[in-house]
Amino acid sequence: MAFAVAFYTCIDSSAKWLNLIGMPVMQIVFFRYAGHFVYSLLLYVPQDGRDAFRSNAPRLQLFRSFFLLASTMLNFIALKYLPLTITTAVAFASPIVVTLLGIPLLGEKVGIRRIIAVFVGFSGVLVVVQPWGESFNPAIFFSLASLLSVALYFIMTRMLAGVETNAVQQIWSSGLATLVLLPIVLRVWAWPDSPTVWAVCIAIGGFGMFGHSITAVAHRWADASVLAPMMYLQIFYASFAGIMLFNTWPTVWTLVGGVIIAASGLYIWHRTKAEAREAALRASLGQ
C-alpha cells in the first residue's frame, strides 16, 4: 500500500509538471486515463476476456467513474496553482468526508466521538487553507471540490464491494473517462514537443493503473483497517517531490494542518475498527 501511495504522488507530480510547461489541463487528464485504459486492457483482457467488461451494477459504475473523473480534473486544475503539499493535505480529509456522507448514503451510524473527530479534521483543513491569510489562493476551491468528488467515489466503491471484479472497475473507470474526454481534448490538443514530455504523458497513465492495481492487491493481502493509515505517507512523498521537482518547500501551516487532519483520520479509523470489534463481540455473545 505504501508503494501504491507513491504511485499516486507520481500522478500528481506528473500533472503539475505538465501544467507548468503549458499543456492544457483536459489533455493531461486525457493522457492519465487513456494510458490507464490501455494498460488495463493489456493486463486484464488476456486473463478475464469479455468478463473484464461485464458490470453487475452498470449504473453505480457510471456514477463511480464520473466522480473519479471529476475529482481528477478538479485536482489537476488546483495543481496548476497550488503546491503539491497543500492539495495532498486537503485530500487527507477524504476519510472525514466519507464518514459524513456514509450517514445519509450508506445508512451508517456515527458516534459522538467520530463526529468530534470530523470537526477536528475540518479545523485542520482550515489551518492548511487559511482563508483569513494574505496568501489565500481561490484555487483551493478546486481542491475542495475534488475532495468532495473523491469522497463520493469512495462511497460508490464501498457500494460495489463484492459486486464487481477489480478488472471491471479498472476498465470502466478509465475507459468511460477516455471516451468522455476524447471529443473535448481534440479541440485543445497540443502535441508533446520533446521525448521527455512524451515520456511523462505515457507514464502518468501507468502510474494510475499500477497505483490502483497495487491497492487492490494490498486489500487482498490485508484488511482495509490495516492499510488505511498508509495513505498518510503521501504528505512525505509530496513534500519530497515538491522540493526535488519544483523547489517548493512545505509551509509550517501546511504541515501542522496535515498532521491535524491525519490524526483525525486515524482516530476515525481506530473508532470504526473498535466499533466493528464490539459489534462482533455482541453478536457472538448473542449466539
C-alpha atoms as a PDB file:
ATOM      1  CA  MET A   1       0.000   0.000   0.000  1.00  0.00           C
ATOM      2  CA  ALA A   2       2.920   2.318   0.714  1.00  0.00           C
ATOM      3  CA  PHE A   3       4.177   1.568  -2.806  1.00  0.00           C
ATOM      4  CA  ALA A   4       0.734   2.359  -4.282  1.00  0.00           C
ATOM      5  CA  VAL A   5       0.632   5.709  -2.480  1.00  0.00           C
ATOM      6  CA  ALA A   6       3.994   6.553  -4.079  1.00  0.00           C
ATOM      7  CA  PHE A   7       2.370   5.991  -7.495  1.00  0.00           C
ATOM      8  CA  TYR A   8      -0.462   8.378  -6.562  1.00  0.00           C
ATOM      9  CA  THR A   9       2.114  11.029  -5.735  1.00  0.00           C
ATOM     10  CA  CYS A  10       3.743  10.391  -9.123  1.00  0.00           C
ATOM     11  CA  ILE A  11       0.375  11.096 -10.808  1.00  0.00           C
ATOM     12  CA  ASP A  12       0.079  14.484  -9.113  1.00  0.00           C
ATOM     13  CA  SER A  13       3.728  15.347  -9.698  1.00  0.00           C
ATOM     14  CA  SER A  14       3.445  14.498 -13.393  1.00  0.00           C
ATOM     15  CA  ALA A  15       0.238  16.513 -13.732  1.00  0.00           C
ATOM     16  CA  LYS A  16       1.764  19.548 -12.052  1.00  0.00           C
ATOM     17  CA  TRP A  17       4.883  19.362 -14.251  1.00  0.00           C
ATOM     18  CA  LEU A  18       2.786  19.101 -17.434  1.00  0.00           C
ATOM     19  CA  ASN A  19       0.678  22.016 -16.199  1.00  0.00           C
ATOM     20  CA  LEU A  20       3.755  24.158 -15.672  1.00  0.00           C
ATOM     21  CA  ILE A  21       5.053  23.578 -19.215  1.00  0.00           C
ATOM     22  CA  GLY A  22       1.715  24.774 -20.589  1.00  0.00           C
ATOM     23  CA  MET A  23      -0.145  21.601 -21.564  1.00  0.00           C
ATOM     24  CA  PRO A  24      -3.968  22.052 -21.401  1.00  0.00           C
ATOM     25  CA  VAL A  25      -5.485  20.531 -18.269  1.00  0.00           C
ATOM     26  CA  MET A  26      -8.031  18.469 -20.206  1.00  0.00           C
ATOM     27  CA  GLN A  27      -5.244  16.917 -22.269  1.00  0.00           C
ATOM     28  CA  ILE A  28      -3.336  15.984 -19.126  1.00  0.00           C
ATOM     29  CA  VAL A  29      -6.453  14.312 -17.719  1.00  0.00           C
ATOM     30  CA  PHE A  30      -6.907  12.516 -21.052  1.00  0.00           C
ATOM     31  CA  PHE A  31      -3.354  11.131 -21.013  1.00  0.00           C
ATOM     32  CA  ARG A  32      -3.863   9.996 -17.422  1.00  0.00           C
ATOM     33  CA  TYR A  33      -6.999   7.980 -18.267  1.00  0.00           C
ATOM     34  CA  ALA A  34      -6.182   6.884 -21.817  1.00  0.00           C
ATOM     35  CA  GLY A  35      -2.898   5.405 -20.600  1.00  0.00           C
ATOM     36  CA  HIS A  36      -4.658   3.800 -17.658  1.00  0.00           C
ATOM     37  CA  PHE A  37      -7.235   2.316 -20.056  1.00  0.00           C
ATOM     38  CA  VAL A  38      -4.637   0.863 -22.434  1.00  0.00           C
ATOM     39  CA  TYR A  39      -2.579  -0.628 -19.606  1.00  0.00           C
ATOM     40  CA  SER A  40      -5.746  -2.108 -18.037  1.00  0.00           C
ATOM     41  CA  LEU A  41      -6.739  -3.741 -21.327  1.00  0.00           C
ATOM     42  CA  LEU A  42      -3.286  -5.269 -21.710  1.00  0.00           C
ATOM     43  CA  LEU A  43      -3.308  -6.564 -18.136  1.00  0.00           C
ATOM     44  CA  TYR A  44      -6.872  -7.809 -17.639  1.00  0.00           C
ATOM     45  CA  VAL A  45      -8.340  -8.800 -21.017  1.00  0.00           C
ATOM     46  CA  PRO A  46      -5.887 -11.699 -21.632  1.00  0.00           C
ATOM     47  CA  GLN A  47      -6.831 -13.277 -18.289  1.00  0.00           C
ATOM     48  CA  ASP A  48     -10.535 -12.323 -17.977  1.00  0.00           C
ATOM     49  CA  GLY A  49     -11.636 -11.995 -21.612  1.00  0.00           C
ATOM     50  CA  ARG A  50     -15.095 -10.460 -22.078  1.00  0.00           C
ATOM     51  CA  ASP A  51     -15.806 -10.706 -18.356  1.00  0.00           C
ATOM     52  CA  ALA A  52     -13.461  -7.755 -17.880  1.00  0.00           C
ATOM     53  CA  PHE A  53     -16.161  -5.561 -19.477  1.00  0.00           C
ATOM     54  CA  ARG A  54     -19.295  -7.058 -17.893  1.00  0.00           C
ATOM     55  CA  SER A  55     -20.580  -4.984 -14.999  1.00  0.00           C
ATOM     56  CA  ASN A  56     -23.059  -6.352 -12.479  1.00  0.00           C
ATOM     57  CA  ALA A  57     -24.057  -2.807 -11.474  1.00  0.00           C
ATOM     58  CA  PRO A  58     -23.590  -0.527 -14.516  1.00  0.00           C
ATOM     59  CA  ARG A  59     -25.429   2.443 -13.004  1.00  0.00           C
ATOM     60  CA  LEU A  60     -23.194   2.506  -9.928  1.00  0.00           C
ATOM     61  CA  GLN A  61     -20.151   2.048 -12.159  1.00  0.00           C
ATOM     62  CA  LEU A  62     -21.186   5.082 -14.196  1.00  0.00           C
ATOM     63  CA  PHE A  63     -21.540   7.213 -11.064  1.00  0.00           C
ATOM     64  CA  ARG A  64     -18.258   5.892  -9.652  1.00  0.00           C
ATOM     65  CA  SER A  65     -16.405   6.621 -12.900  1.00  0.00           C
ATOM     66  CA  PHE A  66     -17.910  10.107 -13.123  1.00  0.00           C
ATOM     67  CA  PHE A  67     -16.868  11.060  -9.587  1.00  0.00           C
ATOM     68  CA  LEU A  68     -13.328   9.760 -10.139  1.00  0.00           C
ATOM     69  CA  LEU A  69     -13.024  11.730 -13.382  1.00  0.00           C
ATOM     70  CA  ALA A  70     -14.416  14.887 -11.765  1.00  0.00           C
ATOM     71  CA  SER A  71     -12.014  14.525  -8.845  1.00  0.00           C
ATOM     72  CA  THR A  72      -9.022  14.163 -11.178  1.00  0.00           C
ATOM     73  CA  MET A  73      -9.990  17.135 -13.340  1.00  0.00           C
ATOM     74  CA  LEU A  74     -10.553  19.415 -10.356  1.00  0.00           C
ATOM     75  CA  ASN A  75      -7.354  18.253  -8.658  1.00  0.00           C
ATOM     76  CA  PHE A  76      -5.247  18.822 -11.796  1.00  0.00           C
ATOM     77  CA  ILE A  77      -6.660  22.352 -12.124  1.00  0.00           C
ATOM     78  CA  ALA A  78      -5.796  23.008  -8.465  1.00  0.00           C
ATOM     79  CA  LEU A  79      -2.265  21.655  -9.002  1.00  0.00           C
ATOM     80  CA  LYS A  80      -1.664  24.341 -11.614  1.00  0.00           C
ATOM     81  CA  TYR A  81      -1.825  26.995  -8.889  1.00  0.00           C
ATOM     82  CA  LEU A  82      -1.149  25.230  -5.598  1.00  0.00           C
ATOM     83  CA  PRO A  83       1.823  23.308  -4.144  1.00  0.00           C
ATOM     84  CA  LEU A  84       1.649  19.511  -4.013  1.00  0.00           C
ATOM     85  CA  THR A  85       1.712  19.545  -0.226  1.00  0.00           C
ATOM     86  CA  ILE A  86      -1.437  21.682   0.025  1.00  0.00           C
ATOM     87  CA  THR A  87      -3.526  19.572  -2.389  1.00  0.00           C
ATOM     88  CA  THR A  88      -2.257  16.439  -0.653  1.00  0.00           C
ATOM     89  CA  ALA A  89      -3.121  17.749   2.824  1.00  0.00           C
ATOM     90  CA  VAL A  90      -6.651  18.663   1.668  1.00  0.00           C
ATOM     91  CA  ALA A  91      -7.049  15.194   0.117  1.00  0.00           C
ATOM     92  CA  PHE A  92      -6.248  13.704   3.537  1.00  0.00           C
ATOM     93  CA  ALA A  93      -9.706  14.850   4.629  1.00  0.00           C
ATOM     94  CA  SER A  94     -11.403  12.307   2.344  1.00  0.00           C
ATOM     95  CA  PRO A  95     -11.976   9.746   5.173  1.00  0.00           C
ATOM     96  CA  ILE A  96     -13.602  12.540   7.162  1.00  0.00           C
ATOM     97  CA  VAL A  97     -15.973  13.462   4.319  1.00  0.00           C
ATOM     98  CA  VAL A  98     -16.669   9.768   3.648  1.00  0.00           C
ATOM     99  CA  THR A  99     -17.633   9.371   7.316  1.00  0.00           C
ATOM    100  CA  LEU A 100     -20.176  12.191   7.000  1.00  0.00           C
ATOM    101  CA  LEU A 101     -21.551  11.064   3.634  1.00  0.00           C
ATOM    102  CA  GLY A 102     -21.812   7.489   4.872  1.00  0.00           C
ATOM    103  CA  ILE A 103     -24.607   8.544   7.234  1.00  0.00           C
ATOM    104  CA  PRO A 104     -27.208   9.508   4.579  1.00  0.00           C
ATOM    105  CA  LEU A 105     -25.882   7.453   1.653  1.00  0.00           C
ATOM    106  CA  LEU A 106     -24.906   4.182   3.350  1.00  0.00           C
ATOM    107  CA  GLY A 107     -27.090   4.368   6.445  1.00  0.00           C
ATOM    108  CA  GLU A 108     -24.043   4.154   8.705  1.00  0.00           C
ATOM    109  CA  LYS A 109     -24.287   5.134  12.363  1.00  0.00           C
ATOM    110  CA  VAL A 110     -21.593   7.502  13.608  1.00  0.00           C
ATOM    111  CA  GLY A 111     -20.985   8.052  17.320  1.00  0.00           C
ATOM    112  CA  ILE A 112     -20.260  11.353  19.037  1.00  0.00           C
ATOM    113  CA  ARG A 113     -16.524  10.618  19.185  1.00  0.00           C
ATOM    114  CA  ARG A 114     -16.254  10.301  15.437  1.00  0.00           C
ATOM    115  CA  ILE A 115     -18.382  13.421  14.945  1.00  0.00           C
ATOM    116  CA  ILE A 116     -15.933  15.346  17.158  1.00  0.00           C
ATOM    117  CA  ALA A 117     -13.037  13.884  15.148  1.00  0.00           C
ATOM    118  CA  VAL A 118     -14.716  15.114  11.957  1.00  0.00           C
ATOM    119  CA  PHE A 119     -14.834  18.683  13.278  1.00  0.00           C
ATOM    120  CA  VAL A 120     -11.209  18.447  14.419  1.00  0.00           C
ATOM    121  CA  GLY A 121     -10.257  17.231  10.952  1.00  0.00           C
ATOM    122  CA  PHE A 122     -12.020  20.147   9.289  1.00  0.00           C
ATOM    123  CA  SER A 123     -10.188  22.520  11.602  1.00  0.00           C
ATOM    124  CA  GLY A 124      -7.013  21.036  10.149  1.00  0.00           C
ATOM    125  CA  VAL A 125      -8.307  21.799   6.653  1.00  0.00           C
ATOM    126  CA  LEU A 126      -8.823  25.425   7.725  1.00  0.00           C
ATOM    127  CA  VAL A 127      -5.257  25.559   9.014  1.00  0.00           C
ATOM    128  CA  VAL A 128      -3.996  24.388   5.607  1.00  0.00           C
ATOM    129  CA  VAL A 129      -6.326  26.610   3.560  1.00  0.00           C
ATOM    130  CA  GLN A 130      -6.058  29.701   5.819  1.00  0.00           C
ATOM    131  CA  PRO A 131      -8.952  31.646   4.281  1.00  0.00           C
ATOM    132  CA  TRP A 132      -8.079  34.519   6.623  1.00  0.00           C
ATOM    133  CA  GLY A 133      -4.473  34.865   5.358  1.00  0.00           C
ATOM    134  CA  GLU A 134      -2.983  37.103   2.662  1.00  0.00           C
ATOM    135  CA  SER A 135      -1.614  34.040   0.859  1.00  0.00           C
ATOM    136  CA  PHE A 136      -5.095  32.552   0.385  1.00  0.00           C
ATOM    137  CA  ASN A 137      -5.490  31.280  -3.172  1.00  0.00           C
ATOM    138  CA  PRO A 138      -9.052  30.857  -4.564  1.00  0.00           C
ATOM    139  CA  ALA A 139      -7.766  27.797  -6.459  1.00  0.00           C
ATOM    140  CA  ILE A 140      -8.207  25.947  -3.165  1.00  0.00           C
ATOM    141  CA  PHE A 141     -11.911  25.688  -4.033  1.00  0.00           C
ATOM    142  CA  PHE A 142     -10.967  23.357  -6.898  1.00  0.00           C
ATOM    143  CA  SER A 143      -9.095  21.203  -4.383  1.00  0.00           C
ATOM    144  CA  LEU A 144     -12.072  21.183  -2.005  1.00  0.00           C
ATOM    145  CA  ALA A 145     -14.447  20.243  -4.849  1.00  0.00           C
ATOM    146  CA  SER A 146     -12.026  17.467  -5.775  1.00  0.00           C
ATOM    147  CA  LEU A 147     -12.166  16.301  -2.153  1.00  0.00           C
ATOM    148  CA  LEU A 148     -15.964  16.029  -2.280  1.00  0.00           C
ATOM    149  CA  SER A 149     -15.832  14.175  -5.610  1.00  0.00           C
ATOM    150  CA  VAL A 150     -13.258  11.648  -4.438  1.00  0.00           C
ATOM    151  CA  ALA A 151     -15.268  11.036  -1.247  1.00  0.00           C
ATOM    152  CA  LEU A 152     -18.318  10.225  -3.381  1.00  0.00           C
ATOM    153  CA  TYR A 153     -16.075   7.963  -5.489  1.00  0.00           C
ATOM    154  CA  PHE A 154     -15.090   6.066  -2.330  1.00  0.00           C
ATOM    155  CA  ILE A 155     -18.757   5.797  -1.322  1.00  0.00           C
ATOM    156  CA  MET A 156     -19.574   4.268  -4.718  1.00  0.00           C
ATOM    157  CA  THR A 157     -16.583   1.917  -4.348  1.00  0.00           C
ATOM    158  CA  ARG A 158     -17.955   0.735  -0.994  1.00  0.00           C
ATOM    159  CA  MET A 159     -21.331   0.091  -2.584  1.00  0.00           C
ATOM    160  CA  LEU A 160     -19.647  -2.050  -5.248  1.00  0.00           C
ATOM    161  CA  ALA A 161     -17.531  -4.066  -2.801  1.00  0.00           C
ATOM    162  CA  GLY A 162     -18.026  -7.749  -3.535  1.00  0.00           C
ATOM    163  CA  VAL A 163     -20.185  -6.907  -6.554  1.00  0.00           C
ATOM    164  CA  GLU A 164     -17.539  -6.137  -9.201  1.00  0.00           C
ATOM    165  CA  THR A 165     -14.113  -7.518 -10.027  1.00  0.00           C
ATOM    166  CA  ASN A 166     -11.037  -5.307  -9.997  1.00  0.00           C
ATOM    167  CA  ALA A 167     -10.743  -5.748 -13.776  1.00  0.00           C
ATOM    168  CA  VAL A 168     -14.241  -4.362 -14.401  1.00  0.00           C
ATOM    169  CA  GLN A 169     -13.671  -1.418 -12.068  1.00  0.00           C
ATOM    170  CA  GLN A 170     -10.337  -0.504 -13.680  1.00  0.00           C
ATOM    171  CA  ILE A 171     -11.559  -0.795 -17.260  1.00  0.00           C
ATOM    172  CA  TRP A 172     -14.865   1.002 -16.705  1.00  0.00           C
ATOM    173  CA  SER A 173     -13.424   3.933 -14.761  1.00  0.00           C
ATOM    174  CA  SER A 174     -10.580   4.550 -17.213  1.00  0.00           C
ATOM    175  CA  GLY A 175     -12.477   3.623 -20.385  1.00  0.00           C
ATOM    176  CA  LEU A 176     -15.507   5.825 -19.734  1.00  0.00           C
ATOM    177  CA  ALA A 177     -13.276   8.768 -18.820  1.00  0.00           C
ATOM    178  CA  THR A 178     -11.294   8.307 -22.031  1.00  0.00           C
ATOM    179  CA  LEU A 179     -14.446   8.248 -24.176  1.00  0.00           C
ATOM    180  CA  VAL A 180     -15.903  11.324 -22.475  1.00  0.00           C
ATOM    181  CA  LEU A 181     -12.666  13.309 -22.780  1.00  0.00           C
ATOM    182  CA  LEU A 182     -11.735  12.405 -26.362  1.00  0.00           C
ATOM    183  CA  PRO A 183     -14.063  14.824 -28.226  1.00  0.00           C
ATOM    184  CA  ILE A 184     -13.245  17.584 -25.725  1.00  0.00           C
ATOM    185  CA  VAL A 185      -9.485  17.184 -25.809  1.00  0.00           C
ATOM    186  CA  LEU A 186      -9.324  17.176 -29.617  1.00  0.00           C
ATOM    187  CA  ARG A 187     -10.333  20.854 -29.547  1.00  0.00           C
ATOM    188  CA  VAL A 188      -7.346  21.858 -27.400  1.00  0.00           C
ATOM    189  CA  TRP A 189      -4.835  19.214 -28.480  1.00  0.00           C
ATOM    190  CA  ALA A 190      -1.159  20.212 -28.414  1.00  0.00           C
ATOM    191  CA  TRP A 191       1.400  17.615 -29.470  1.00  0.00           C
ATOM    192  CA  PRO A 192       4.152  16.928 -26.906  1.00  0.00           C
ATOM    193  CA  ASP A 193       7.254  18.660 -28.225  1.00  0.00           C
ATOM    194  CA  SER A 194      10.051  16.590 -26.672  1.00  0.00           C
ATOM    195  CA  PRO A 195      10.875  12.991 -25.683  1.00  0.00           C
ATOM    196  CA  THR A 196      10.706  13.997 -22.012  1.00  0.00           C
ATOM    197  CA  VAL A 197       7.177  15.343 -22.373  1.00  0.00           C
ATOM    198  CA  TRP A 198       6.137  12.217 -24.262  1.00  0.00           C
ATOM    199  CA  ALA A 199       7.645  10.037 -21.512  1.00  0.00           C
ATOM    200  CA  VAL A 200       5.701  11.853 -18.776  1.00  0.00           C
ATOM    201  CA  CYS A 201       2.461  11.697 -20.827  1.00  0.00           C
ATOM    202  CA  ILE A 202       2.877   7.947 -21.275  1.00  0.00           C
ATOM    203  CA  ALA A 203       3.953   7.360 -17.680  1.00  0.00           C
ATOM    204  CA  ILE A 204       1.078   9.215 -15.972  1.00  0.00           C
ATOM    205  CA  GLY A 205      -1.478   6.627 -17.116  1.00  0.00           C
ATOM    206  CA  GLY A 206       0.797   3.828 -15.943  1.00  0.00           C
ATOM    207  CA  PHE A 207       1.120   5.464 -12.540  1.00  0.00           C
ATOM    208  CA  GLY A 208      -2.684   5.487 -12.287  1.00  0.00           C
ATOM    209  CA  MET A 209      -3.230   1.894 -13.375  1.00  0.00           C
ATOM    210  CA  PHE A 210      -0.426   0.405 -11.284  1.00  0.00           C
ATOM    211  CA  GLY A 211      -1.336   2.501  -8.238  1.00  0.00           C
ATOM    212  CA  HIS A 212      -4.954   1.330  -8.289  1.00  0.00           C
ATOM    213  CA  SER A 213      -3.997  -2.265  -9.140  1.00  0.00           C
ATOM    214  CA  ILE A 214      -1.430  -2.483  -6.346  1.00  0.00           C
ATOM    215  CA  THR A 215      -4.035  -1.049  -3.971  1.00  0.00           C
ATOM    216  CA  ALA A 216      -6.385  -3.878  -4.958  1.00  0.00           C
ATOM    217  CA  VAL A 217      -3.612  -6.437  -4.345  1.00  0.00           C
ATOM    218  CA  ALA A 218      -2.882  -4.887  -0.953  1.00  0.00           C
ATOM    219  CA  HIS A 219      -6.549  -5.222   0.017  1.00  0.00           C
ATOM    220  CA  ARG A 220      -6.408  -8.920  -0.842  1.00  0.00           C
ATOM    221  CA  TRP A 221      -3.448  -9.382   1.493  1.00  0.00           C
ATOM    222  CA  ALA A 222      -4.614  -7.252   4.428  1.00  0.00           C
ATOM    223  CA  ASP A 223      -7.743  -5.660   5.883  1.00  0.00           C
ATOM    224  CA  ALA A 224      -8.628  -2.105   4.919  1.00  0.00           C
ATOM    225  CA  SER A 225      -8.227  -1.147   8.589  1.00  0.00           C
ATOM    226  CA  VAL A 226      -4.551  -2.113   8.396  1.00  0.00           C
ATOM    227  CA  LEU A 227      -3.936  -0.332   5.100  1.00  0.00           C
ATOM    228  CA  ALA A 228      -5.783   2.957   5.690  1.00  0.00           C
ATOM    229  CA  PRO A 229      -3.011   4.683   7.704  1.00  0.00           C
ATOM    230  CA  MET A 230      -0.564   4.128   4.828  1.00  0.00           C
ATOM    231  CA  MET A 231      -2.326   6.853   2.835  1.00  0.00           C
ATOM    232  CA  TYR A 232      -0.826   9.460   5.152  1.00  0.00           C
ATOM    233  CA  LEU A 233       2.650   8.632   3.861  1.00  0.00           C
ATOM    234  CA  GLN A 234       1.690  10.798   0.900  1.00  0.00           C
ATOM    235  CA  ILE A 235       2.469  14.006   2.813  1.00  0.00           C
ATOM    236  CA  PHE A 236       6.108  12.881   2.989  1.00  0.00           C
ATOM    237  CA  TYR A 237       6.147  11.784  -0.651  1.00  0.00           C
ATOM    238  CA  ALA A 238       4.529  15.059  -1.742  1.00  0.00           C
ATOM    239  CA  SER A 239       6.956  17.144   0.316  1.00  0.00           C
ATOM    240  CA  PHE A 240       9.921  15.319  -1.215  1.00  0.00           C
ATOM    241  CA  ALA A 241       8.544  15.662  -4.760  1.00  0.00           C
ATOM    242  CA  GLY A 242       7.740  19.341  -4.225  1.00  0.00           C
ATOM    243  CA  ILE A 243      11.277  20.063  -3.047  1.00  0.00           C
ATOM    244  CA  MET A 244      13.089  17.973  -5.656  1.00  0.00           C
ATOM    245  CA  LEU A 245      10.958  18.756  -8.720  1.00  0.00           C
ATOM    246  CA  PHE A 246       9.535  22.213  -8.090  1.00  0.00           C
ATOM    247  CA  ASN A 247      11.797  23.717  -5.418  1.00  0.00           C
ATOM    248  CA  THR A 248       8.720  24.251  -3.242  1.00  0.00           C
ATOM    249  CA  TRP A 249       9.083  23.721   0.476  1.00  0.00           C
ATOM    250  CA  PRO A 250       6.010  22.943   2.593  1.00  0.00           C
ATOM    251  CA  THR A 251       4.990  25.714   4.972  1.00  0.00           C
ATOM    252  CA  VAL A 252       4.715  25.160   8.703  1.00  0.00           C
ATOM    253  CA  TRP A 253       0.932  25.672   8.475  1.00  0.00           C
ATOM    254  CA  THR A 254       0.610  23.043   5.757  1.00  0.00           C
ATOM    255  CA  LEU A 255       2.490  20.514   7.873  1.00  0.00           C
ATOM    256  CA  VAL A 256       0.590  21.392  11.067  1.00  0.00           C
ATOM    257  CA  GLY A 257      -2.770  21.202   9.281  1.00  0.00           C
ATOM    258  CA  GLY A 258      -1.750  17.945   7.615  1.00  0.00           C
ATOM    259  CA  VAL A 259      -0.875  16.424  10.989  1.00  0.00           C
ATOM    260  CA  ILE A 260      -4.248  17.516  12.458  1.00  0.00           C
ATOM    261  CA  ILE A 261      -6.147  16.046   9.505  1.00  0.00           C
ATOM    262  CA  ALA A 262      -4.118  12.826   9.611  1.00  0.00           C
ATOM    263  CA  ALA A 263      -4.623  12.473  13.369  1.00  0.00           C
ATOM    264  CA  SER A 264      -8.360  12.957  12.932  1.00  0.00           C
ATOM    265  CA  GLY A 265      -8.491  10.412  10.114  1.00  0.00           C
ATOM    266  CA  LEU A 266      -6.500   7.891  12.130  1.00  0.00           C
ATOM    267  CA  TYR A 267      -8.818   8.336  15.101  1.00  0.00           C
ATOM    268  CA  ILE A 268     -11.877   7.797  12.888  1.00  0.00           C
ATOM    269  CA  TRP A 269     -10.191   4.656  11.537  1.00  0.00           C
ATOM    270  CA  HIS A 270      -9.452   3.490  15.103  1.00  0.00           C
ATOM    271  CA  ARG A 271     -13.029   4.089  16.276  1.00  0.00           C
ATOM    272  CA  THR A 272     -14.504   2.346  13.237  1.00  0.00           C
ATOM    273  CA  LYS A 273     -12.297  -0.666  13.890  1.00  0.00           C
ATOM    274  CA  ALA A 274     -13.140  -0.680  17.613  1.00  0.00           C
ATOM    275  CA  GLU A 275     -16.882  -0.433  16.956  1.00  0.00           C
ATOM    276  CA  ALA A 276     -16.654  -3.325  14.475  1.00  0.00           C
ATOM    277  CA  ARG A 277     -14.953  -5.455  17.155  1.00  0.00           C
ATOM    278  CA  GLU A 278     -17.600  -4.530  19.715  1.00  0.00           C
ATOM    279  CA  ALA A 279     -20.394  -5.424  17.276  1.00  0.00           C
ATOM    280  CA  ALA A 280     -18.740  -8.786  16.538  1.00  0.00           C
ATOM    281  CA  LEU A 281     -18.378  -9.478  20.256  1.00  0.00           C
ATOM    282  CA  ARG A 282     -22.050  -8.644  20.944  1.00  0.00           C
ATOM    283  CA  ALA A 283     -23.072 -10.891  18.053  1.00  0.00           C
ATOM    284  CA  SER A 284     -21.020 -13.789  19.415  1.00  0.00           C
ATOM    285  CA  LEU A 285     -22.435 -13.342  22.938  1.00  0.00           C
ATOM    286  CA  GLY A 286     -25.936 -13.219  21.499  1.00  0.00           C
ATOM    287  CA  GLN A 287     -25.359 -16.600  19.873  1.00  0.00           C
END
